[in-house]
């Protein structure tokens, strides 16, 4: 599950730009995660230069939707 650490965000927008589901919004004084849209792909985690966004395995009941494609590519010989 994606978790945003309050108070560390510099509002650079890197996370917003990489989210394929538009699940992150920057507001005047905070960053908001729209959980219904989030697929836990973790692109926002990797893009954040301030380490504001974290991924916690607890509470994740689904895999990123790219997972079947990644697995299929990995098993090709």
C-alpha atoms as a PDB file:
ATOM      1  CA  UNK A   1       0.000   0.000   0.000  1.00  0.00           C
ATOM      2  CA  UNK A   2       1.302   3.443  -0.882  1.00  0.00           C
ATOM      3  CA  UNK A   3       1.855   5.763   2.077  1.00  0.00           C
ATOM      4  CA  UNK A   4       2.652   9.469   1.940  1.00  0.00           C
ATOM      5  CA  UNK A   5       4.843  10.808   4.758  1.00  0.00           C
ATOM      6  CA  UNK A   6       3.312  14.101   5.885  1.00  0.00           C
ATOM      7  CA  UNK A   7       5.511  17.174   6.122  1.00  0.00           C
ATOM      8  CA  UNK A   8       8.369  16.047   3.854  1.00  0.00           C
ATOM      9  CA  UNK A   9       6.896  16.918   0.439  1.00  0.00           C
ATOM     10  CA  UNK A  10       8.519  19.705  -1.585  1.00  0.00           C
ATOM     11  CA  UNK A  11       5.572  19.718  -4.066  1.00  0.00           C
ATOM     12  CA  UNK A  12       7.842  19.134  -7.076  1.00  0.00           C
ATOM     13  CA  UNK A  13       5.190  17.070  -8.885  1.00  0.00           C
ATOM     14  CA  UNK A  14       7.480  14.207  -9.925  1.00  0.00           C
ATOM     15  CA  UNK A  15       5.045  11.650  -8.517  1.00  0.00           C
ATOM     16  CA  UNK A  16       2.069  13.189 -10.296  1.00  0.00           C
ATOM     17  CA  UNK A  17       3.846  13.054 -13.636  1.00  0.00           C
ATOM     18  CA  UNK A  18       4.656   9.333 -13.454  1.00  0.00           C
ATOM     19  CA  UNK A  19       1.371   8.005 -12.058  1.00  0.00           C
ATOM     20  CA  UNK A  20      -0.386   6.103 -14.874  1.00  0.00           C
ATOM     21  CA  UNK A  21      -3.702   6.175 -13.011  1.00  0.00           C
ATOM     22  CA  UNK A  22      -3.761   9.870 -11.986  1.00  0.00           C
ATOM     23  CA  UNK A  23      -4.005   8.700  -8.380  1.00  0.00           C
ATOM     24  CA  UNK A  24      -1.916  11.537  -6.916  1.00  0.00           C
ATOM     25  CA  UNK A  25      -2.961  15.156  -6.699  1.00  0.00           C
ATOM     26  CA  UNK A  26      -0.964  18.141  -5.528  1.00  0.00           C
ATOM     27  CA  UNK A  27      -2.933  20.715  -3.618  1.00  0.00           C
ATOM     28  CA  UNK A  28      -1.834  24.039  -2.193  1.00  0.00           C
ATOM     29  CA  UNK A  29      -0.410  22.668   1.014  1.00  0.00           C
ATOM     30  CA  UNK A  30      -0.563  18.883   0.675  1.00  0.00           C
ATOM     31  CA  UNK A  31      -0.270  15.888  -1.589  1.00  0.00           C
ATOM     32  CA  UNK A  32      -3.237  13.532  -1.822  1.00  0.00           C
ATOM     33  CA  UNK A  33      -3.428   9.884  -2.818  1.00  0.00           C
ATOM     34  CA  UNK A  34      -6.697   8.738  -4.363  1.00  0.00           C
ATOM     35  CA  UNK A  35      -6.643   5.157  -3.120  1.00  0.00           C
ATOM     36  CA  UNK A  36      -9.451   3.928  -5.394  1.00  0.00           C
ATOM     37  CA  UNK A  37      -7.299   4.740  -8.433  1.00  0.00           C
ATOM     38  CA  UNK A  38      -3.946   3.518  -7.083  1.00  0.00           C
ATOM     39  CA  UNK A  39      -2.711   0.174  -8.462  1.00  0.00           C
ATOM     40  CA  UNK A  40       0.396   0.025  -6.229  1.00  0.00           C
ATOM     41  CA  UNK A  41       2.710   0.118  -9.246  1.00  0.00           C
ATOM     42  CA  UNK A  42       5.227   2.088  -7.119  1.00  0.00           C
ATOM     43  CA  UNK A  43       6.279   4.423  -9.914  1.00  0.00           C
ATOM     44  CA  UNK A  44       5.624   7.353  -7.579  1.00  0.00           C
ATOM     45  CA  UNK A  45       7.869   5.809  -4.914  1.00  0.00           C
ATOM     46  CA  UNK A  46      10.763   5.511  -7.361  1.00  0.00           C
ATOM     47  CA  UNK A  47      10.196   9.007  -8.805  1.00  0.00           C
ATOM     48  CA  UNK A  48      10.104  10.943  -5.528  1.00  0.00           C
ATOM     49  CA  UNK A  49      13.474  12.628  -4.886  1.00  0.00           C
ATOM     50  CA  UNK A  50      12.477  13.450  -1.291  1.00  0.00           C
ATOM     51  CA  UNK A  51      11.452   9.892  -0.256  1.00  0.00           C
ATOM     52  CA  UNK A  52       8.035  11.197   0.733  1.00  0.00           C
ATOM     53  CA  UNK A  53       6.166   8.253  -0.747  1.00  0.00           C
ATOM     54  CA  UNK A  54       6.665   4.797   0.720  1.00  0.00           C
ATOM     55  CA  UNK A  55       5.358   1.344  -0.126  1.00  0.00           C
ATOM     56  CA  UNK A  56       4.156  -0.936   2.669  1.00  0.00           C
ATOM     57  CA  UNK A  57       3.190  -4.519   1.842  1.00  0.00           C
ATOM     58  CA  UNK A  58       0.584  -4.619   4.605  1.00  0.00           C
ATOM     59  CA  UNK A  59      -2.893  -4.018   3.275  1.00  0.00           C
ATOM     60  CA  UNK A  60      -2.093  -4.823  -0.343  1.00  0.00           C
ATOM     61  CA  UNK A  61      -4.742  -7.145  -1.671  1.00  0.00           C
ATOM     62  CA  UNK A  62      -3.781  -6.884  -5.321  1.00  0.00           C
ATOM     63  CA  UNK A  63      -0.652  -6.825  -7.427  1.00  0.00           C
ATOM     64  CA  UNK A  64       0.238  -4.102  -9.909  1.00  0.00           C
ATOM     65  CA  UNK A  65      -1.673  -4.680 -13.127  1.00  0.00           C
ATOM     66  CA  UNK A  66       1.626  -5.002 -15.024  1.00  0.00           C
ATOM     67  CA  UNK A  67       2.512  -8.145 -13.024  1.00  0.00           C
ATOM     68  CA  UNK A  68       1.191 -10.762 -15.518  1.00  0.00           C
ATOM     69  CA  UNK A  69       3.126  -9.118 -18.365  1.00  0.00           C
ATOM     70  CA  UNK A  70       6.315  -8.991 -16.282  1.00  0.00           C
ATOM     71  CA  UNK A  71       5.959 -12.661 -15.340  1.00  0.00           C
ATOM     72  CA  UNK A  72       5.324 -13.678 -18.960  1.00  0.00           C
ATOM     73  CA  UNK A  73       8.431 -11.817 -20.104  1.00  0.00           C
ATOM     74  CA  UNK A  74      10.528 -13.356 -17.331  1.00  0.00           C
ATOM     75  CA  UNK A  75       9.622 -16.953 -18.183  1.00  0.00           C
ATOM     76  CA  UNK A  76      10.428 -16.675 -21.895  1.00  0.00           C
ATOM     77  CA  UNK A  77      13.591 -18.587 -22.673  1.00  0.00           C
END
